[in-house]
C-alpha atoms as a PDB file:
ATOM      1  CA  MET A   1      59.754 -10.461 -14.818  1.00  0.00           C
ATOM      2  CA  GLN A   2      61.197 -12.523 -17.867  1.00  0.00           C
ATOM      3  CA  LEU A   3      58.864 -12.843 -21.010  1.00  0.00           C
ATOM      4  CA  GLN A   4      58.830 -16.531 -20.887  1.00  0.00           C
ATOM      5  CA  ASP A   5      57.563 -16.430 -17.440  1.00  0.00           C
ATOM      6  CA  ALA A   6      54.939 -13.880 -18.211  1.00  0.00           C
ATOM      7  CA  LEU A   7      53.950 -16.035 -21.384  1.00  0.00           C
ATOM      8  CA  GLN A   8      53.261 -18.923 -18.998  1.00  0.00           C
ATOM      9  CA  GLY A   9      50.860 -16.857 -16.711  1.00  0.00           C
ATOM     10  CA  PHE A  10      49.100 -15.511 -19.858  1.00  0.00           C
ATOM     11  CA  LEU A  11      48.523 -19.001 -21.263  1.00  0.00           C
ATOM     12  CA  VAL A  12      47.093 -19.988 -17.687  1.00  0.00           C
ATOM     13  CA  GLN A  13      44.802 -17.179 -18.036  1.00  0.00           C
ATOM     14  CA  LEU A  14      43.616 -18.004 -21.788  1.00  0.00           C
ATOM     15  CA  ARG A  15      42.789 -21.699 -20.345  1.00  0.00           C
ATOM     16  CA  ALA A  16      40.883 -20.114 -17.528  1.00  0.00           C
ATOM     17  CA  ASP A  17      38.830 -18.121 -20.080  1.00  0.00           C
ATOM     18  CA  GLY A  18      37.707 -21.119 -21.770  1.00  0.00           C
ATOM     19  CA  ARG A  19      39.898 -20.758 -24.878  1.00  0.00           C
ATOM     20  CA  SER A  20      40.585 -23.849 -27.179  1.00  0.00           C
ATOM     21  CA  GLU A  21      43.877 -25.582 -26.829  1.00  0.00           C
ATOM     22  CA  HIS A  22      44.409 -24.966 -30.559  1.00  0.00           C
ATOM     23  CA  THR A  23      44.053 -21.074 -29.554  1.00  0.00           C
ATOM     24  CA  VAL A  24      46.330 -21.454 -26.662  1.00  0.00           C
ATOM     25  CA  ARG A  25      48.911 -23.268 -28.518  1.00  0.00           C
ATOM     26  CA  GLN A  26      48.976 -20.639 -31.352  1.00  0.00           C
ATOM     27  CA  TYR A  27      49.430 -17.829 -28.778  1.00  0.00           C
ATOM     28  CA  GLU A  28      52.199 -19.820 -27.130  1.00  0.00           C
ATOM     29  CA  ARG A  29      53.961 -20.406 -30.389  1.00  0.00           C
ATOM     30  CA  HIS A  30      54.005 -16.678 -31.236  1.00  0.00           C
ATOM     31  CA  GLY A  31      55.178 -15.584 -27.677  1.00  0.00           C
ATOM     32  CA  ARG A  32      58.050 -18.251 -28.172  1.00  0.00           C
ATOM     33  CA  ALA A  33      59.001 -16.936 -31.511  1.00  0.00           C
ATOM     34  CA  LEU A  34      59.255 -13.482 -29.963  1.00  0.00           C
ATOM     35  CA  ALA A  35      61.468 -14.675 -27.022  1.00  0.00           C
ATOM     36  CA  ALA A  36      63.737 -16.735 -29.345  1.00  0.00           C
ATOM     37  CA  TRP A  37      64.258 -13.447 -31.863  1.00  0.00           C
ATOM     38  CA  LEU A  38      65.396 -11.468 -28.732  1.00  0.00           C
ATOM     39  CA  ALA A  39      67.688 -14.191 -27.703  1.00  0.00           C
ATOM     40  CA  ASP A  40      69.032 -14.486 -31.075  1.00  0.00           C
ATOM     41  CA  ALA A  41      69.477 -10.820 -31.445  1.00  0.00           C
ATOM     42  CA  GLY A  42      71.290 -10.581 -28.213  1.00  0.00           C
ATOM     43  CA  MET A  43      68.490  -8.477 -26.633  1.00  0.00           C
ATOM     44  CA  GLY A  44      67.123  -9.024 -23.077  1.00  0.00           C
ATOM     45  CA  THR A  45      63.799 -10.544 -22.417  1.00  0.00           C
ATOM     46  CA  ASP A  46      62.942  -8.763 -19.336  1.00  0.00           C
ATOM     47  CA  LEU A  47      59.573  -7.160 -19.762  1.00  0.00           C
ATOM     48  CA  GLY A  48      61.041  -3.736 -18.871  1.00  0.00           C
ATOM     49  CA  ASP A  49      63.316  -3.846 -21.957  1.00  0.00           C
ATOM     50  CA  LEU A  50      60.346  -4.167 -24.420  1.00  0.00           C
ATOM     51  CA  THR A  51      59.112  -1.010 -26.117  1.00  0.00           C
ATOM     52  CA  PRO A  52      57.036  -0.477 -29.147  1.00  0.00           C
ATOM     53  CA  GLU A  53      60.281   0.034 -31.305  1.00  0.00           C
ATOM     54  CA  VAL A  54      61.597  -3.414 -30.128  1.00  0.00           C
ATOM     55  CA  LEU A  55      58.201  -5.094 -31.205  1.00  0.00           C
ATOM     56  CA  ALA A  56      58.162  -3.078 -34.379  1.00  0.00           C
ATOM     57  CA  ARG A  57      61.773  -4.453 -35.230  1.00  0.00           C
ATOM     58  CA  PHE A  58      60.471  -7.988 -34.411  1.00  0.00           C
ATOM     59  CA  PHE A  59      57.524  -7.573 -36.819  1.00  0.00           C
ATOM     60  CA  ALA A  60      60.065  -5.983 -39.581  1.00  0.00           C
ATOM     61  CA  SER A  61      62.374  -9.047 -38.945  1.00  0.00           C
ATOM     62  CA  ASP A  62      62.977 -12.372 -41.277  1.00  0.00           C
ATOM     63  CA  ALA A  63      61.320 -14.061 -37.853  1.00  0.00           C
ATOM     64  CA  VAL A  64      57.960 -12.823 -38.998  1.00  0.00           C
ATOM     65  CA  ARG A  65      58.288 -12.332 -42.725  1.00  0.00           C
ATOM     66  CA  THR A  66      59.546 -15.745 -43.414  1.00  0.00           C
ATOM     67  CA  THR A  67      58.235 -19.320 -42.599  1.00  0.00           C
ATOM     68  CA  CYS A  68      60.484 -21.837 -41.020  1.00  0.00           C
ATOM     69  CA  HIS A  69      60.933 -23.310 -44.654  1.00  0.00           C
ATOM     70  CA  GLY A  70      62.236 -19.967 -45.946  1.00  0.00           C
ATOM     71  CA  GLY A  71      59.332 -19.031 -47.945  1.00  0.00           C
ATOM     72  CA  ALA A  72      57.532 -15.863 -47.619  1.00  0.00           C
ATOM     73  CA  ARG A  73      55.013 -15.775 -44.652  1.00  0.00           C
ATOM     74  CA  THR A  74      51.402 -14.727 -45.831  1.00  0.00           C
ATOM     75  CA  ALA A  75      49.738 -11.479 -44.677  1.00  0.00           C
ATOM     76  CA  VAL A  76      47.018 -13.489 -42.733  1.00  0.00           C
ATOM     77  CA  SER A  77      49.520 -15.426 -41.022  1.00  0.00           C
ATOM     78  CA  ALA A  78      51.551 -12.652 -39.868  1.00  0.00           C
ATOM     79  CA  ASN A  79      48.409 -10.870 -38.560  1.00  0.00           C
ATOM     80  CA  ALA A  80      47.706 -13.833 -36.604  1.00  0.00           C
ATOM     81  CA  MET A  81      50.995 -13.077 -34.792  1.00  0.00           C
ATOM     82  CA  ARG A  82      50.331  -9.696 -34.407  1.00  0.00           C
ATOM     83  CA  THR A  83      47.039 -10.519 -32.597  1.00  0.00           C
ATOM     84  CA  SER A  84      49.000 -12.900 -30.390  1.00  0.00           C
ATOM     85  CA  ILE A  85      51.137 -10.622 -29.330  1.00  0.00           C
ATOM     86  CA  ARG A  86      48.858  -7.522 -28.932  1.00  0.00           C
ATOM     87  CA  CYS A  87      46.691  -9.908 -26.563  1.00  0.00           C
ATOM     88  CA  LEU A  88      49.654 -11.018 -24.562  1.00  0.00           C
ATOM     89  CA  PHE A  89      50.861  -7.671 -23.995  1.00  0.00           C
ATOM     90  CA  ALA A  90      47.422  -6.169 -23.355  1.00  0.00           C
ATOM     91  CA  HIS A  91      47.138  -9.040 -20.715  1.00  0.00           C
ATOM     92  CA  LEU A  92      50.313  -8.167 -19.282  1.00  0.00           C
ATOM     93  CA  HIS A  93      49.383  -4.375 -19.030  1.00  0.00           C
ATOM     94  CA  GLN A  94      45.975  -4.844 -17.451  1.00  0.00           C
ATOM     95  CA  SER A  95      47.313  -7.320 -14.786  1.00  0.00           C
ATOM     96  CA  GLY A  96      49.834  -4.566 -13.721  1.00  0.00           C
ATOM     97  CA  LEU A  97      53.058  -6.363 -14.847  1.00  0.00           C
ATOM     98  CA  LEU A  98      53.605  -3.625 -17.105  1.00  0.00           C
ATOM     99  CA  PRO A  99      53.191   0.120 -16.745  1.00  0.00           C
ATOM    100  CA  ALA A 100      52.443   0.773 -20.540  1.00  0.00           C
ATOM    101  CA  ASN A 101      51.780  -1.640 -23.248  1.00  0.00           C
ATOM    102  CA  PRO A 102      54.609  -1.972 -25.787  1.00  0.00           C
ATOM    103  CA  ALA A 103      52.491  -3.283 -28.563  1.00  0.00           C
ATOM    104  CA  ARG A 104      49.700  -0.400 -28.423  1.00  0.00           C
ATOM    105  CA  LEU A 105      51.109   0.863 -31.839  1.00  0.00           C
ATOM    106  CA  LEU A 106      50.925  -2.461 -33.586  1.00  0.00           C
ATOM    107  CA  ARG A 107      48.261  -2.656 -36.270  1.00  0.00           C
ATOM    108  CA  ARG A 108      47.238  -5.652 -38.649  1.00  0.00           C
ATOM    109  CA  ALA A 109      47.946  -5.415 -42.189  1.00  0.00           C
ATOM    110  CA  ARG A 110      44.995  -4.854 -44.465  1.00  0.00           C
ATOM    111  CA  CYS A 111      44.538  -7.890 -46.640  1.00  0.00           C
ATOM    112  CA  ALA A 112      41.637 -10.071 -47.970  1.00  0.00           C
ATOM    113  CA  PRO A 113      40.888 -13.588 -46.588  1.00  0.00           C
ATOM    114  CA  PRO A 114      42.494 -16.135 -48.986  1.00  0.00           C
ATOM    115  CA  PRO A 115      39.726 -18.022 -51.024  1.00  0.00           C
ATOM    116  CA  PRO A 116      38.900 -21.441 -49.627  1.00  0.00           C
ATOM    117  CA  LYS A 117      40.891 -24.285 -50.756  1.00  0.00           C
ATOM    118  CA  ALA A 118      38.005 -26.740 -51.883  1.00  0.00           C
ATOM    119  CA  LEU A 119      38.399 -30.058 -53.798  1.00  0.00           C
ATOM    120  CA  HIS A 120      37.173 -29.889 -57.380  1.00  0.00           C
ATOM    121  CA  ALA A 121      34.682 -32.385 -58.304  1.00  0.00           C
ATOM    122  CA  ASP A 122      37.084 -34.628 -60.187  1.00  0.00           C
ATOM    123  CA  GLU A 123      39.666 -34.443 -57.301  1.00  0.00           C
ATOM    124  CA  GLN A 124      37.041 -35.486 -54.933  1.00  0.00           C
ATOM    125  CA  GLN A 125      36.279 -38.557 -57.389  1.00  0.00           C
ATOM    126  CA  ARG A 126      39.777 -39.317 -57.612  1.00  0.00           C
ATOM    127  CA  LEU A 127      40.187 -39.502 -53.753  1.00  0.00           C
ATOM    128  CA  LEU A 128      37.057 -41.711 -53.138  1.00  0.00           C
ATOM    129  CA  GLU A 129      38.396 -44.113 -55.713  1.00  0.00           C
ATOM    130  CA  VAL A 130      41.739 -44.190 -54.136  1.00  0.00           C
ATOM    131  CA  LEU A 131      39.976 -45.242 -50.900  1.00  0.00           C
ATOM    132  CA  ALA A 132      37.572 -47.277 -52.454  1.00  0.00           C
ATOM    133  CA  ALA A 133      40.504 -49.226 -53.898  1.00  0.00           C
ATOM    134  CA  ALA A 134      42.398 -49.862 -50.560  1.00  0.00           C
ATOM    135  CA  ASP A 135      41.878 -52.765 -48.325  1.00  0.00           C
ATOM    136  CA  GLY A 136      41.813 -53.183 -44.599  1.00  0.00           C
ATOM    137  CA  PRO A 137      39.880 -51.765 -41.710  1.00  0.00           C
ATOM    138  CA  GLU A 138      41.945 -48.586 -41.441  1.00  0.00           C
ATOM    139  CA  ALA A 139      41.103 -47.727 -45.080  1.00  0.00           C
ATOM    140  CA  ALA A 140      37.462 -48.499 -44.709  1.00  0.00           C
ATOM    141  CA  ARG A 141      37.528 -46.198 -41.509  1.00  0.00           C
ATOM    142  CA  ASP A 142      39.027 -43.196 -43.389  1.00  0.00           C
ATOM    143  CA  ARG A 143      36.817 -43.841 -46.595  1.00  0.00           C
ATOM    144  CA  MET A 144      33.837 -43.377 -44.315  1.00  0.00           C
ATOM    145  CA  LEU A 145      35.345 -40.435 -42.570  1.00  0.00           C
ATOM    146  CA  VAL A 146      35.761 -38.735 -45.875  1.00  0.00           C
ATOM    147  CA  GLU A 147      32.218 -39.738 -46.858  1.00  0.00           C
ATOM    148  CA  LEU A 148      31.073 -38.062 -43.949  1.00  0.00           C
ATOM    149  CA  LEU A 149      33.066 -34.844 -43.994  1.00  0.00           C
ATOM    150  CA  LEU A 150      32.231 -34.341 -47.856  1.00  0.00           C
ATOM    151  CA  GLY A 151      28.514 -34.933 -47.303  1.00  0.00           C
ATOM    152  CA  THR A 152      27.870 -32.995 -43.954  1.00  0.00           C
ATOM    153  CA  GLY A 153      30.581 -30.351 -43.968  1.00  0.00           C
ATOM    154  CA  ILE A 154      31.527 -31.030 -40.288  1.00  0.00           C
ATOM    155  CA  ARG A 155      34.933 -30.389 -39.238  1.00  0.00           C
ATOM    156  CA  ILE A 156      37.131 -33.177 -38.560  1.00  0.00           C
ATOM    157  CA  GLY A 157      37.382 -32.581 -34.807  1.00  0.00           C
ATOM    158  CA  SER A 158      33.580 -32.830 -34.589  1.00  0.00           C
ATOM    159  CA  ALA A 159      33.610 -35.990 -36.419  1.00  0.00           C
ATOM    160  CA  LEU A 160      36.215 -37.673 -34.484  1.00  0.00           C
ATOM    161  CA  ALA A 161      34.433 -36.835 -31.340  1.00  0.00           C
ATOM    162  CA  LEU A 162      31.404 -38.652 -32.465  1.00  0.00           C
ATOM    163  CA  ASP A 163      29.852 -41.296 -30.670  1.00  0.00           C
ATOM    164  CA  ILE A 164      27.345 -43.616 -32.158  1.00  0.00           C
ATOM    165  CA  ALA A 165      24.615 -42.538 -29.806  1.00  0.00           C
ATOM    166  CA  ASP A 166      25.043 -39.075 -31.315  1.00  0.00           C
ATOM    167  CA  ILE A 167      23.687 -40.237 -34.766  1.00  0.00           C
ATOM    168  CA  ASP A 168      20.005 -40.100 -35.113  1.00  0.00           C
ATOM    169  CA  PHE A 169      19.403 -42.316 -38.135  1.00  0.00           C
ATOM    170  CA  ASP A 170      15.555 -41.906 -37.872  1.00  0.00           C
ATOM    171  CA  HIS A 171      15.494 -38.131 -38.328  1.00  0.00           C
ATOM    172  CA  GLY A 172      18.797 -37.931 -40.365  1.00  0.00           C
ATOM    173  CA  GLU A 173      20.709 -35.678 -37.717  1.00  0.00           C
ATOM    174  CA  ILE A 174      23.943 -35.779 -35.780  1.00  0.00           C
ATOM    175  CA  ALA A 175      24.579 -34.156 -32.623  1.00  0.00           C
ATOM    176  CA  LEU A 176      27.925 -32.408 -32.547  1.00  0.00           C
ATOM    177  CA  ARG A 177      29.290 -32.134 -28.927  1.00  0.00           C
ATOM    178  CA  ARG A 178      32.836 -30.728 -29.922  1.00  0.00           C
ATOM    179  CA  THR A 179      32.433 -27.679 -32.178  1.00  0.00           C
ATOM    180  CA  LYS A 180      34.372 -24.552 -32.883  1.00  0.00           C
ATOM    181  CA  GLY A 181      33.558 -22.180 -29.998  1.00  0.00           C
ATOM    182  CA  ASP A 182      32.279 -25.008 -28.081  1.00  0.00           C
ATOM    183  CA  ARG A 183      28.433 -24.299 -29.242  1.00  0.00           C
ATOM    184  CA  PRO A 184      26.742 -27.730 -29.425  1.00  0.00           C
ATOM    185  CA  THR A 185      24.790 -28.033 -32.460  1.00  0.00           C
ATOM    186  CA  THR A 186      22.988 -30.451 -34.722  1.00  0.00           C
ATOM    187  CA  ALA A 187      24.337 -31.346 -38.317  1.00  0.00           C
ATOM    188  CA  LEU A 188      22.207 -32.937 -41.157  1.00  0.00           C
ATOM    189  CA  LEU A 189      22.859 -36.353 -42.419  1.00  0.00           C
ATOM    190  CA  PRO A 190      21.887 -36.943 -46.128  1.00  0.00           C
ATOM    191  CA  THR A 191      20.311 -40.395 -46.603  1.00  0.00           C
ATOM    192  CA  ALA A 192      23.071 -41.668 -48.877  1.00  0.00           C
ATOM    193  CA  VAL A 193      25.625 -41.009 -46.206  1.00  0.00           C
ATOM    194  CA  ALA A 194      23.510 -42.481 -43.554  1.00  0.00           C
ATOM    195  CA  GLU A 195      23.218 -45.671 -45.393  1.00  0.00           C
ATOM    196  CA  LYS A 196      27.093 -45.926 -45.746  1.00  0.00           C
ATOM    197  CA  LEU A 197      27.402 -45.040 -42.198  1.00  0.00           C
ATOM    198  CA  ARG A 198      24.930 -47.869 -40.771  1.00  0.00           C
ATOM    199  CA  ALA A 199      26.795 -50.506 -42.949  1.00  0.00           C
ATOM    200  CA  PHE A 200      30.288 -49.317 -41.695  1.00  0.00           C
ATOM    201  CA  LEU A 201      28.943 -49.399 -37.781  1.00  0.00           C
ATOM    202  CA  GLY A 202      27.553 -52.754 -38.609  1.00  0.00           C
ATOM    203  CA  ASP A 203      26.542 -54.218 -35.303  1.00  0.00           C
ATOM    204  CA  ARG A 204      28.196 -51.702 -33.313  1.00  0.00           C
ATOM    205  CA  ARG A 205      25.593 -49.711 -30.968  1.00  0.00           C
ATOM    206  CA  ASP A 206      27.716 -47.510 -28.939  1.00  0.00           C
ATOM    207  CA  GLY A 207      31.186 -46.142 -28.234  1.00  0.00           C
ATOM    208  CA  PRO A 208      33.314 -43.900 -30.802  1.00  0.00           C
ATOM    209  CA  VAL A 209      32.290 -43.947 -34.343  1.00  0.00           C
ATOM    210  CA  PHE A 210      35.994 -43.990 -35.668  1.00  0.00           C
ATOM    211  CA  LEU A 211      38.318 -46.275 -33.984  1.00  0.00           C
ATOM    212  CA  ALA A 212      42.128 -47.072 -34.066  1.00  0.00           C
ATOM    213  CA  GLY A 213      42.172 -50.629 -32.313  1.00  0.00           C
ATOM    214  CA  ASP A 214      39.453 -50.526 -29.592  1.00  0.00           C
ATOM    215  CA  ARG A 215      40.261 -46.715 -29.076  1.00  0.00           C
ATOM    216  CA  ARG A 216      39.113 -43.582 -30.646  1.00  0.00           C
ATOM    217  CA  VAL A 217      41.285 -42.338 -33.361  1.00  0.00           C
ATOM    218  CA  SER A 218      43.501 -39.301 -32.827  1.00  0.00           C
ATOM    219  CA  MET A 219      43.308 -36.145 -34.598  1.00  0.00           C
ATOM    220  CA  ARG A 220      47.012 -36.378 -35.428  1.00  0.00           C
ATOM    221  CA  HIS A 221      47.022 -39.800 -36.561  1.00  0.00           C
ATOM    222  CA  THR A 222      43.928 -39.065 -38.740  1.00  0.00           C
ATOM    223  CA  GLN A 223      45.353 -36.033 -40.522  1.00  0.00           C
ATOM    224  CA  ARG A 224      48.583 -37.939 -41.405  1.00  0.00           C
ATOM    225  CA  ARG A 225      46.483 -40.416 -43.174  1.00  0.00           C
ATOM    226  CA  LEU A 226      44.321 -38.017 -44.904  1.00  0.00           C
ATOM    227  CA  ALA A 227      47.367 -36.290 -46.241  1.00  0.00           C
ATOM    228  CA  ALA A 228      48.625 -39.587 -47.523  1.00  0.00           C
ATOM    229  CA  TRP A 229      45.526 -40.347 -49.195  1.00  0.00           C
ATOM    230  CA  LEU A 230      45.378 -36.763 -50.638  1.00  0.00           C
ATOM    231  CA  GLN A 231      48.943 -37.311 -51.980  1.00  0.00           C
ATOM    232  CA  LYS A 232      48.157 -40.684 -53.364  1.00  0.00           C
ATOM    233  CA  ALA A 233      45.255 -39.211 -55.379  1.00  0.00           C
ATOM    234  CA  GLY A 234      47.692 -36.593 -56.818  1.00  0.00           C
ATOM    235  CA  ILE A 235      45.871 -33.554 -54.998  1.00  0.00           C
ATOM    236  CA  ARG A 236      48.255 -31.105 -53.804  1.00  0.00           C
ATOM    237  CA  GLY A 237      47.944 -28.040 -51.365  1.00  0.00           C
ATOM    238  CA  ARG A 238      44.692 -29.337 -49.636  1.00  0.00           C
ATOM    239  CA  SER A 239      44.049 -30.638 -46.250  1.00  0.00           C
ATOM    240  CA  ALA A 240      41.209 -32.484 -44.197  1.00  0.00           C
ATOM    241  CA  HIS A 241      39.520 -29.145 -43.742  1.00  0.00           C
ATOM    242  CA  SER A 242      39.245 -28.807 -47.627  1.00  0.00           C
ATOM    243  CA  LEU A 243      36.408 -31.279 -47.547  1.00  0.00           C
ATOM    244  CA  ARG A 244      34.359 -28.789 -45.359  1.00  0.00           C
ATOM    245  CA  HIS A 245      35.265 -26.071 -48.004  1.00  0.00           C
ATOM    246  CA  SER A 246      34.202 -28.553 -50.839  1.00  0.00           C
ATOM    247  CA  TYR A 247      30.560 -29.142 -48.872  1.00  0.00           C
ATOM    248  CA  ALA A 248      30.432 -25.416 -48.741  1.00  0.00           C
ATOM    249  CA  MET A 249      30.886 -24.623 -52.108  1.00  0.00           C
ATOM    250  CA  LYS A 250      28.436 -27.492 -53.365  1.00  0.00           C
ATOM    251  CA  VAL A 251      25.652 -26.181 -51.139  1.00  0.00           C
ATOM    252  CA  TYR A 252      26.092 -22.550 -52.404  1.00  0.00           C
ATOM    253  CA  ARG A 253      26.573 -23.529 -55.981  1.00  0.00           C
ATOM    254  CA  SER A 254      23.146 -25.534 -55.671  1.00  0.00           C
ATOM    255  CA  THR A 255      21.222 -23.039 -54.069  1.00  0.00           C
ATOM    256  CA  GLY A 256      22.771 -19.548 -54.604  1.00  0.00           C
ATOM    257  CA  ASP A 257      21.622 -18.929 -51.299  1.00  0.00           C
ATOM    258  CA  ILE A 258      24.295 -17.515 -48.790  1.00  0.00           C
ATOM    259  CA  LEU A 259      22.050 -17.812 -45.676  1.00  0.00           C
ATOM    260  CA  LEU A 260      20.959 -21.130 -46.327  1.00  0.00           C
ATOM    261  CA  THR A 261      24.773 -21.979 -46.944  1.00  0.00           C
ATOM    262  CA  GLN A 262      25.548 -20.460 -43.425  1.00  0.00           C
ATOM    263  CA  ALA A 263      23.021 -22.467 -41.833  1.00  0.00           C
ATOM    264  CA  ALA A 264      24.210 -25.891 -43.468  1.00  0.00           C
ATOM    265  CA  LEU A 265      27.681 -24.735 -42.172  1.00  0.00           C
ATOM    266  CA  GLY A 266      26.645 -23.632 -38.836  1.00  0.00           C
ATOM    267  CA  HIS A 267      28.401 -20.479 -38.763  1.00  0.00           C
ATOM    268  CA  ALA A 268      27.720 -17.910 -36.261  1.00  0.00           C
ATOM    269  CA  SER A 269      28.461 -15.167 -38.509  1.00  0.00           C
ATOM    270  CA  ILE A 270      27.582 -14.607 -41.804  1.00  0.00           C
ATOM    271  CA  ALA A 271      30.975 -13.083 -42.467  1.00  0.00           C
ATOM    272  CA  SER A 272      32.398 -16.471 -42.190  1.00  0.00           C
ATOM    273  CA  THR A 273      30.242 -17.576 -45.158  1.00  0.00           C
ATOM    274  CA  VAL A 274      30.485 -14.709 -47.482  1.00  0.00           C
ATOM    275  CA  VAL A 275      34.029 -16.286 -48.497  1.00  0.00           C
ATOM    276  CA  TYR A 276      32.180 -18.815 -50.453  1.00  0.00           C
ATOM    277  CA  ALA A 277      30.178 -16.516 -52.720  1.00  0.00           C
ATOM    278  CA  LYS A 278      33.191 -14.818 -53.412  1.00  0.00           C
ATOM    279  CA  ALA A 279      35.257 -17.772 -54.495  1.00  0.00           C
ATOM    280  CA  ASP A 280      32.698 -19.282 -56.532  1.00  0.00           C
ATOM    281  CA  ARG A 281      34.482 -19.079 -59.975  1.00  0.00           C
ATOM    282  CA  ALA A 282      32.094 -21.537 -61.485  1.00  0.00           C
ATOM    283  CA  ARG A 283      29.212 -18.944 -61.801  1.00  0.00           C
ATOM    284  CA  VAL A 284      31.672 -16.455 -63.145  1.00  0.00           C
ATOM    285  CA  ARG A 285      32.697 -18.716 -65.802  1.00  0.00           C
ATOM    286  CA  ALA A 286      29.305 -19.607 -66.777  1.00  0.00           C
ATOM    287  CA  ALA A 287      28.611 -15.821 -66.733  1.00  0.00           C
ATOM    288  CA  VAL A 288      31.326 -15.119 -69.325  1.00  0.00           C
ATOM    289  CA  GLY A 289      31.128 -18.113 -71.298  1.00  0.00           C
ATOM    290  CA  ALA A 290      34.549 -19.430 -70.073  1.00  0.00           C
END
């Protein structure tokens, strides 16, 4: 069997296991990268030709060590590729398509997770000012979305999936139907954000919160627009997810309580939250008088 065909079967299994489309697409990219490297190197893509040495050469090559733009790939990104390839070949071995797992010798590189890329207070202010100065319904929608993400810390996918019926203004809560790991949860809605959200919705009582015309706005369109707003505000190297990081840093700095921060973010594991304690350089600056 050829690697490309085996990859398609693996992707079907991932979907059957309930893995998110984001995860499935990432595994697919990494599997295709291996197949492309084999083709470029003039090597066969038959599963029987793949050995630990072949995979070692792949991970030592520029196909893994550099990005598509020519820069050095981060250790975290390379580890993600190692995980994808290990899971792919573990599946092929367990399903009987391979007598031995050629990825059995692969090990993840030891590296610390990168610090969260939050927006500083002045950057948040600049972004909000740029949005406030813009006219039109799309700008108003984007402004409300940014206010919601900064004020609640929910992920952009959860925000775009919101229906008006999911918002409990009386109790200051938002029912999140689309979350990481598909764990329905409830986010808290600050009073100031709730007031702006009421005004934004106006007379609307049902349907999606964030619209593009008469339809729910898409993730891709929203990410493009937010990237443009960040650029206009002179903010580099940040994304929509940086708004969640900003919320997390605000909660941790105001409370100093990592468990409370975990609860505010809805993290299943405290390990996902500890990174904000490590990243809080404001406390270090205060301690050393910088």
